[in-house]
Amino acid sequence: MNIIPLGDRLLHKSFIKVRMNNQDFLIQQQVISHVDDGIQKINKIHLILENEPIENIDSLTINGVGEIKGRYKKQENILHVLI
């Protein structure tokens, strides 16, 4: 009920729970996930944020999500977390 498939992407209408860098995150908003071979192999998530994340040397802090540890790169207004 929460997931609508869109080819190699999934629209999570209400929430998604993901594990990144051995941390669990519950994101309670619409999210598009990009998958490789089925629903369990997510390689990218797309979030639309109301507020800019706080950029730290080794992490990003996203309001309502938490601190995501790891490296990231920035391209214009898009942040890519490298896991």
PDB file of N, CA and C in Angstrom:
ATOM      1  N   MET A   1       0.807  -1.187   0.000  1.00  0.00           N
ATOM      2  CA  MET A   1       0.000   0.000   0.000  1.00  0.00           C
ATOM      3  C   MET A   1       0.858   1.262   0.000  1.00  0.00           C
ATOM      4  N   ASN A   2       2.013   1.219   0.619  1.00  0.00           N
ATOM      5  CA  ASN A   2       2.894   2.370   0.717  1.00  0.00           C
ATOM      6  C   ASN A   2       3.776   2.526  -0.520  1.00  0.00           C
ATOM      7  N   ILE A   3       3.991   1.457  -1.307  1.00  0.00           N
ATOM      8  CA  ILE A   3       4.964   1.470  -2.397  1.00  0.00           C
ATOM      9  C   ILE A   3       4.271   1.358  -3.749  1.00  0.00           C
ATOM     10  N   ILE A   4       4.681   2.246  -4.671  1.00  0.00           N
ATOM     11  CA  ILE A   4       4.208   2.188  -6.053  1.00  0.00           C
ATOM     12  C   ILE A   4       5.442   1.967  -6.932  1.00  0.00           C
ATOM     13  N   PRO A   5       5.504   0.857  -7.689  1.00  0.00           N
ATOM     14  CA  PRO A   5       6.661   0.607  -8.547  1.00  0.00           C
ATOM     15  C   PRO A   5       6.638   1.502  -9.791  1.00  0.00           C
ATOM     16  N   LEU A   6       7.818   2.007 -10.159  1.00  0.00           N
ATOM     17  CA  LEU A   6       7.991   2.858 -11.332  1.00  0.00           C
ATOM     18  C   LEU A   6       9.227   2.384 -12.103  1.00  0.00           C
ATOM     19  N   GLY A   7       9.200   1.191 -12.647  1.00  0.00           N
ATOM     20  CA  GLY A   7      10.376   0.621 -13.328  1.00  0.00           C
ATOM     21  C   GLY A   7      11.438   0.258 -12.321  1.00  0.00           C
ATOM     22  N   ASP A   8      12.632   0.877 -12.452  1.00  0.00           N
ATOM     23  CA  ASP A   8      13.721   0.602 -11.509  1.00  0.00           C
ATOM     24  C   ASP A   8      13.681   1.538 -10.298  1.00  0.00           C
ATOM     25  N   ARG A   9      12.552   2.214 -10.125  1.00  0.00           N
ATOM     26  CA  ARG A   9      12.353   3.109  -8.982  1.00  0.00           C
ATOM     27  C   ARG A   9      11.091   2.699  -8.229  1.00  0.00           C
ATOM     28  N   LEU A  10      11.054   3.068  -6.970  1.00  0.00           N
ATOM     29  CA  LEU A  10       9.880   2.819  -6.137  1.00  0.00           C
ATOM     30  C   LEU A  10       9.487   4.115  -5.452  1.00  0.00           C
ATOM     31  N   LEU A  11       8.213   4.463  -5.536  1.00  0.00           N
ATOM     32  CA  LEU A  11       7.705   5.614  -4.802  1.00  0.00           C
ATOM     33  C   LEU A  11       7.167   5.111  -3.473  1.00  0.00           C
ATOM     34  N   HIS A  12       7.757   5.567  -2.395  1.00  0.00           N
ATOM     35  CA  HIS A  12       7.295   5.253  -1.044  1.00  0.00           C
ATOM     36  C   HIS A  12       6.429   6.440  -0.637  1.00  0.00           C
ATOM     37  N   LYS A  13       5.114   6.239  -0.593  1.00  0.00           N
ATOM     38  CA  LYS A  13       4.177   7.338  -0.415  1.00  0.00           C
ATOM     39  C   LYS A  13       4.222   7.969   0.964  1.00  0.00           C
ATOM     40  N   SER A  14       4.520   7.207   1.994  1.00  0.00           N
ATOM     41  CA  SER A  14       4.450   7.734   3.354  1.00  0.00           C
ATOM     42  C   SER A  14       5.769   7.673   4.116  1.00  0.00           C
ATOM     43  N   PHE A  15       6.542   6.613   3.910  1.00  0.00           N
ATOM     44  CA  PHE A  15       7.766   6.435   4.695  1.00  0.00           C
ATOM     45  C   PHE A  15       8.646   5.375   4.051  1.00  0.00           C
ATOM     46  N   ILE A  16       9.881   5.334   4.520  1.00  0.00           N
ATOM     47  CA  ILE A  16      10.816   4.266   4.181  1.00  0.00           C
ATOM     48  C   ILE A  16      11.768   4.104   5.368  1.00  0.00           C
ATOM     49  N   LYS A  17      12.141   2.879   5.648  1.00  0.00           N
ATOM     50  CA  LYS A  17      13.154   2.605   6.653  1.00  0.00           C
ATOM     51  C   LYS A  17      14.338   2.009   5.918  1.00  0.00           C
ATOM     52  N   VAL A  18      15.498   2.649   6.046  1.00  0.00           N
ATOM     53  CA  VAL A  18      16.700   2.195   5.345  1.00  0.00           C
ATOM     54  C   VAL A  18      17.852   2.075   6.325  1.00  0.00           C
ATOM     55  N   ARG A  19      18.826   1.268   5.938  1.00  0.00           N
ATOM     56  CA  ARG A  19      20.050   1.089   6.719  1.00  0.00           C
ATOM     57  C   ARG A  19      21.209   1.591   5.868  1.00  0.00           C
ATOM     58  N   MET A  20      21.922   2.593   6.397  1.00  0.00           N
ATOM     59  CA  MET A  20      23.101   3.147   5.723  1.00  0.00           C
ATOM     60  C   MET A  20      24.244   3.199   6.718  1.00  0.00           C
ATOM     61  N   ASN A  21      25.385   2.708   6.311  1.00  0.00           N
ATOM     62  CA  ASN A  21      26.572   2.728   7.177  1.00  0.00           C
ATOM     63  C   ASN A  21      26.263   2.196   8.572  1.00  0.00           C
ATOM     64  N   ASN A  22      25.567   1.066   8.622  1.00  0.00           N
ATOM     65  CA  ASN A  22      25.206   0.394   9.879  1.00  0.00           C
ATOM     66  C   ASN A  22      24.325   1.236  10.802  1.00  0.00           C
ATOM     67  N   GLN A  23      23.576   2.171  10.243  1.00  0.00           N
ATOM     68  CA  GLN A  23      22.621   2.967  11.000  1.00  0.00           C
ATOM     69  C   GLN A  23      21.257   2.831  10.340  1.00  0.00           C
ATOM     70  N   ASP A  24      20.202   2.705  11.141  1.00  0.00           N
ATOM     71  CA  ASP A  24      18.838   2.650  10.623  1.00  0.00           C
ATOM     72  C   ASP A  24      18.238   4.046  10.633  1.00  0.00           C
ATOM     73  N   PHE A  25      17.515   4.367   9.554  1.00  0.00           N
ATOM     74  CA  PHE A  25      16.846   5.651   9.434  1.00  0.00           C
ATOM     75  C   PHE A  25      15.405   5.423   9.032  1.00  0.00           C
ATOM     76  N   LEU A  26      14.491   6.063   9.741  1.00  0.00           N
ATOM     77  CA  LEU A  26      13.087   6.056   9.383  1.00  0.00           C
ATOM     78  C   LEU A  26      12.787   7.438   8.812  1.00  0.00           C
ATOM     79  N   ILE A  27      12.482   7.478   7.524  1.00  0.00           N
ATOM     80  CA  ILE A  27      12.198   8.737   6.839  1.00  0.00           C
ATOM     81  C   ILE A  27      10.702   8.786   6.604  1.00  0.00           C
ATOM     82  N   GLN A  28      10.033   9.694   7.282  1.00  0.00           N
ATOM     83  CA  GLN A  28       8.581   9.753   7.243  1.00  0.00           C
ATOM     84  C   GLN A  28       8.113  10.868   6.311  1.00  0.00           C
ATOM     85  N   GLN A  29       8.316  10.632   5.039  1.00  0.00           N
ATOM     86  CA  GLN A  29       7.871  11.525   3.980  1.00  0.00           C
ATOM     87  C   GLN A  29       7.912  10.737   2.681  1.00  0.00           C
ATOM     88  N   GLN A  30       7.451  11.346   1.588  1.00  0.00           N
ATOM     89  CA  GLN A  30       7.550  10.657   0.302  1.00  0.00           C
ATOM     90  C   GLN A  30       9.011  10.556  -0.107  1.00  0.00           C
ATOM     91  N   VAL A  31       9.386   9.380  -0.601  1.00  0.00           N
ATOM     92  CA  VAL A  31      10.763   9.108  -1.020  1.00  0.00           C
ATOM     93  C   VAL A  31      10.709   8.290  -2.295  1.00  0.00           C
ATOM     94  N   ILE A  32      11.611   8.595  -3.226  1.00  0.00           N
ATOM     95  CA  ILE A  32      11.793   7.735  -4.393  1.00  0.00           C
ATOM     96  C   ILE A  32      13.085   6.969  -4.173  1.00  0.00           C
ATOM     97  N   SER A  33      13.007   5.641  -4.218  1.00  0.00           N
ATOM     98  CA  SER A  33      14.215   4.828  -4.113  1.00  0.00           C
ATOM     99  C   SER A  33      14.519   4.222  -5.472  1.00  0.00           C
ATOM    100  N   HIS A  34      15.797   4.137  -5.782  1.00  0.00           N
ATOM    101  CA  HIS A  34      16.278   3.511  -7.011  1.00  0.00           C
ATOM    102  C   HIS A  34      16.819   2.142  -6.615  1.00  0.00           C
ATOM    103  N   VAL A  35      16.347   1.114  -7.299  1.00  0.00           N
ATOM    104  CA  VAL A  35      16.693  -0.254  -6.897  1.00  0.00           C
ATOM    105  C   VAL A  35      17.442  -0.987  -7.994  1.00  0.00           C
ATOM    106  N   ASP A  36      18.255  -1.957  -7.607  1.00  0.00           N
ATOM    107  CA  ASP A  36      18.964  -2.835  -8.537  1.00  0.00           C
ATOM    108  C   ASP A  36      18.265  -4.156  -8.689  1.00  0.00           C
ATOM    109  N   ASP A  37      18.133  -5.000  -8.011  1.00  0.00           N
ATOM    110  CA  ASP A  37      17.509  -6.294  -8.261  1.00  0.00           C
ATOM    111  C   ASP A  37      16.480  -6.562  -7.176  1.00  0.00           C
ATOM    112  N   GLY A  38      15.364  -5.926  -7.249  1.00  0.00           N
ATOM    113  CA  GLY A  38      14.332  -6.125  -6.243  1.00  0.00           C
ATOM    114  C   GLY A  38      14.312  -5.020  -5.201  1.00  0.00           C
ATOM    115  N   ILE A  39      13.342  -5.099  -4.343  1.00  0.00           N
ATOM    116  CA  ILE A  39      13.081  -4.043  -3.362  1.00  0.00           C
ATOM    117  C   ILE A  39      14.168  -3.921  -2.292  1.00  0.00           C
ATOM    118  N   GLN A  40      14.931  -4.967  -2.043  1.00  0.00           N
ATOM    119  CA  GLN A  40      15.937  -4.964  -0.974  1.00  0.00           C
ATOM    120  C   GLN A  40      17.260  -4.319  -1.373  1.00  0.00           C
ATOM    121  N   LYS A  41      17.502  -4.095  -2.659  1.00  0.00           N
ATOM    122  CA  LYS A  41      18.798  -3.594  -3.123  1.00  0.00           C
ATOM    123  C   LYS A  41      18.676  -2.144  -3.577  1.00  0.00           C
ATOM    124  N   ILE A  42      18.505  -1.249  -2.645  1.00  0.00           N
ATOM    125  CA  ILE A  42      18.392   0.178  -2.950  1.00  0.00           C
ATOM    126  C   ILE A  42      19.789   0.750  -3.147  1.00  0.00           C
ATOM    127  N   ASN A  43      19.990   1.473  -4.257  1.00  0.00           N
ATOM    128  CA  ASN A  43      21.286   2.090  -4.493  1.00  0.00           C
ATOM    129  C   ASN A  43      21.250   3.610  -4.387  1.00  0.00           C
ATOM    130  N   LYS A  44      20.037   4.186  -4.304  1.00  0.00           N
ATOM    131  CA  LYS A  44      19.930   5.634  -4.190  1.00  0.00           C
ATOM    132  C   LYS A  44      18.549   5.973  -3.660  1.00  0.00           C
ATOM    133  N   ILE A  45      18.458   7.001  -2.824  1.00  0.00           N
ATOM    134  CA  ILE A  45      17.154   7.518  -2.427  1.00  0.00           C
ATOM    135  C   ILE A  45      17.107   9.006  -2.761  1.00  0.00           C
ATOM    136  N   HIS A  46      15.936   9.440  -3.142  1.00  0.00           N
ATOM    137  CA  HIS A  46      15.720  10.819  -3.556  1.00  0.00           C
ATOM    138  C   HIS A  46      14.755  11.461  -2.567  1.00  0.00           C
ATOM    139  N   LEU A  47      15.236  12.488  -1.866  1.00  0.00           N
ATOM    140  CA  LEU A  47      14.430  13.207  -0.883  1.00  0.00           C
ATOM    141  C   LEU A  47      14.229  14.642  -1.347  1.00  0.00           C
ATOM    142  N   ILE A  48      13.048  15.164  -1.151  1.00  0.00           N
ATOM    143  CA  ILE A  48      12.785  16.584  -1.350  1.00  0.00           C
ATOM    144  C   ILE A  48      12.747  17.198   0.047  1.00  0.00           C
ATOM    145  N   LEU A  49      13.652  18.121   0.320  1.00  0.00           N
ATOM    146  CA  LEU A  49      13.788  18.680   1.661  1.00  0.00           C
ATOM    147  C   LEU A  49      13.289  20.115   1.710  1.00  0.00           C
ATOM    148  N   GLU A  50      12.614  20.454   2.796  1.00  0.00           N
ATOM    149  CA  GLU A  50      12.174  21.831   3.003  1.00  0.00           C
ATOM    150  C   GLU A  50      13.344  22.707   3.451  1.00  0.00           C
ATOM    151  N   ASN A  51      14.218  22.163   4.275  1.00  0.00           N
ATOM    152  CA  ASN A  51      15.369  22.903   4.801  1.00  0.00           C
ATOM    153  C   ASN A  51      16.659  22.292   4.292  1.00  0.00           C
ATOM    154  N   GLU A  52      17.661  23.122   4.097  1.00  0.00           N
ATOM    155  CA  GLU A  52      18.977  22.641   3.687  1.00  0.00           C
ATOM    156  C   GLU A  52      19.564  21.758   4.784  1.00  0.00           C
ATOM    157  N   PRO A  53      20.219  20.654   4.427  1.00  0.00           N
ATOM    158  CA  PRO A  53      20.896  19.847   5.452  1.00  0.00           C
ATOM    159  C   PRO A  53      22.120  20.589   5.969  1.00  0.00           C
ATOM    160  N   ILE A  54      22.528  20.244   7.164  1.00  0.00           N
ATOM    161  CA  ILE A  54      23.742  20.816   7.744  1.00  0.00           C
ATOM    162  C   ILE A  54      24.902  19.959   7.274  1.00  0.00           C
ATOM    163  N   GLU A  55      25.862  20.586   6.631  1.00  0.00           N
ATOM    164  CA  GLU A  55      27.019  19.871   6.096  1.00  0.00           C
ATOM    165  C   GLU A  55      28.153  19.901   7.113  1.00  0.00           C
ATOM    166  N   ASN A  56      28.610  18.719   7.505  1.00  0.00           N
ATOM    167  CA  ASN A  56      29.750  18.564   8.393  1.00  0.00           C
ATOM    168  C   ASN A  56      30.889  17.948   7.593  1.00  0.00           C
ATOM    169  N   ILE A  57      32.049  17.841   8.181  1.00  0.00           N
ATOM    170  CA  ILE A  57      33.203  17.269   7.479  1.00  0.00           C
ATOM    171  C   ILE A  57      32.947  15.819   7.088  1.00  0.00           C
ATOM    172  N   ASP A  58      32.357  15.033   7.989  1.00  0.00           N
ATOM    173  CA  ASP A  58      32.188  13.598   7.751  1.00  0.00           C
ATOM    174  C   ASP A  58      30.740  13.143   7.833  1.00  0.00           C
ATOM    175  N   SER A  59      29.772  14.081   7.687  1.00  0.00           N
ATOM    176  CA  SER A  59      28.373  13.685   7.783  1.00  0.00           C
ATOM    177  C   SER A  59      27.455  14.805   7.287  1.00  0.00           C
ATOM    178  N   LEU A  60      26.191  14.442   7.114  1.00  0.00           N
ATOM    179  CA  LEU A  60      25.124  15.395   6.824  1.00  0.00           C
ATOM    180  C   LEU A  60      24.069  15.229   7.901  1.00  0.00           C
ATOM    181  N   THR A  61      23.530  16.329   8.384  1.00  0.00           N
ATOM    182  CA  THR A  61      22.429  16.272   9.331  1.00  0.00           C
ATOM    183  C   THR A  61      21.188  16.797   8.627  1.00  0.00           C
ATOM    184  N   ILE A  62      20.184  15.925   8.503  1.00  0.00           N
ATOM    185  CA  ILE A  62      18.962  16.254   7.792  1.00  0.00           C
ATOM    186  C   ILE A  62      17.828  16.340   8.802  1.00  0.00           C
ATOM    187  N   ASN A  63      17.151  17.475   8.816  1.00  0.00           N
ATOM    188  CA  ASN A  63      16.042  17.691   9.740  1.00  0.00           C
ATOM    189  C   ASN A  63      14.975  16.618   9.538  1.00  0.00           C
ATOM    190  N   GLY A  64      14.585  15.951  10.617  1.00  0.00           N
ATOM    191  CA  GLY A  64      13.572  14.910  10.557  1.00  0.00           C
ATOM    192  C   GLY A  64      14.110  13.535  10.205  1.00  0.00           C
ATOM    193  N   VAL A  65      15.385  13.448   9.811  1.00  0.00           N
ATOM    194  CA  VAL A  65      15.997  12.164   9.457  1.00  0.00           C
ATOM    195  C   VAL A  65      17.095  11.815  10.442  1.00  0.00           C
ATOM    196  N   GLY A  66      18.008  12.741  10.675  1.00  0.00           N
ATOM    197  CA  GLY A  66      19.116  12.517  11.585  1.00  0.00           C
ATOM    198  C   GLY A  66      20.456  12.760  10.919  1.00  0.00           C
ATOM    199  N   GLU A  67      21.513  12.320  11.575  1.00  0.00           N
ATOM    200  CA  GLU A  67      22.867  12.494  11.064  1.00  0.00           C
ATOM    201  C   GLU A  67      23.271  11.259  10.270  1.00  0.00           C
ATOM    202  N   ILE A  68      23.642  11.482   9.014  1.00  0.00           N
ATOM    203  CA  ILE A  68      24.101  10.403   8.147  1.00  0.00           C
ATOM    204  C   ILE A  68      25.612  10.531   8.035  1.00  0.00           C
ATOM    205  N   LYS A  69      26.306   9.572   8.610  1.00  0.00           N
ATOM    206  CA  LYS A  69      27.768   9.607   8.597  1.00  0.00           C
ATOM    207  C   LYS A  69      28.294   9.071   7.280  1.00  0.00           C
ATOM    208  N   GLY A  70      29.378   9.645   6.825  1.00  0.00           N
ATOM    209  CA  GLY A  70      30.003   9.223   5.584  1.00  0.00           C
ATOM    210  C   GLY A  70      30.404  10.425   4.743  1.00  0.00           C
ATOM    211  N   ARG A  71      31.086  10.144   3.679  1.00  0.00           N
ATOM    212  CA  ARG A  71      31.494  11.208   2.767  1.00  0.00           C
ATOM    213  C   ARG A  71      30.338  11.556   1.840  1.00  0.00           C
ATOM    214  N   TYR A  72      30.398  12.727   1.290  1.00  0.00           N
ATOM    215  CA  TYR A  72      29.381  13.143   0.332  1.00  0.00           C
ATOM    216  C   TYR A  72      30.020  14.088  -0.674  1.00  0.00           C
ATOM    217  N   LYS A  73      29.376  14.227  -1.823  1.00  0.00           N
ATOM    218  CA  LYS A  73      29.817  15.222  -2.792  1.00  0.00           C
ATOM    219  C   LYS A  73      28.616  16.063  -3.182  1.00  0.00           C
ATOM    220  N   LYS A  74      28.888  17.300  -3.550  1.00  0.00           N
ATOM    221  CA  LYS A  74      27.827  18.250  -3.837  1.00  0.00           C
ATOM    222  C   LYS A  74      27.904  18.663  -5.306  1.00  0.00           C
ATOM    223  N   GLN A  75      26.753  18.605  -5.993  1.00  0.00           N
ATOM    224  CA  GLN A  75      26.629  19.083  -7.365  1.00  0.00           C
ATOM    225  C   GLN A  75      25.436  20.022  -7.394  1.00  0.00           C
ATOM    226  N   GLU A  76      25.698  21.303  -7.530  1.00  0.00           N
ATOM    227  CA  GLU A  76      24.659  22.328  -7.479  1.00  0.00           C
ATOM    228  C   GLU A  76      23.840  22.158  -6.197  1.00  0.00           C
ATOM    229  N   ASN A  77      22.556  21.878  -6.283  1.00  0.00           N
ATOM    230  CA  ASN A  77      21.742  21.721  -5.065  1.00  0.00           C
ATOM    231  C   ASN A  77      21.473  20.259  -4.739  1.00  0.00           C
ATOM    232  N   ILE A  78      22.289  19.342  -5.276  1.00  0.00           N
ATOM    233  CA  ILE A  78      22.123  17.905  -5.040  1.00  0.00           C
ATOM    234  C   ILE A  78      23.313  17.406  -4.223  1.00  0.00           C
ATOM    235  N   LEU A  79      23.011  16.680  -3.150  1.00  0.00           N
ATOM    236  CA  LEU A  79      24.041  16.063  -2.328  1.00  0.00           C
ATOM    237  C   LEU A  79      24.010  14.556  -2.519  1.00  0.00           C
ATOM    238  N   HIS A  80      25.158  13.974  -2.811  1.00  0.00           N
ATOM    239  CA  HIS A  80      25.301  12.530  -2.981  1.00  0.00           C
ATOM    240  C   HIS A  80      26.093  11.994  -1.802  1.00  0.00           C
ATOM    241  N   VAL A  81      25.460  11.162  -0.976  1.00  0.00           N
ATOM    242  CA  VAL A  81      26.156  10.534   0.137  1.00  0.00           C
ATOM    243  C   VAL A  81      26.816   9.277  -0.401  1.00  0.00           C
ATOM    244  N   LEU A  82      28.111   9.148  -0.175  1.00  0.00           N
ATOM    245  CA  LEU A  82      28.880   8.007  -0.657  1.00  0.00           C
ATOM    246  C   LEU A  82      28.950   6.975   0.447  1.00  0.00           C
ATOM    247  N   ILE A  83      28.400   5.820   0.200  1.00  0.00           N
ATOM    248  CA  ILE A  83      28.338   4.776   1.219  1.00  0.00           C
ATOM    249  C   ILE A  83      29.299   3.666   0.870  1.00  0.00           C
TER     250      ILE A  83
END
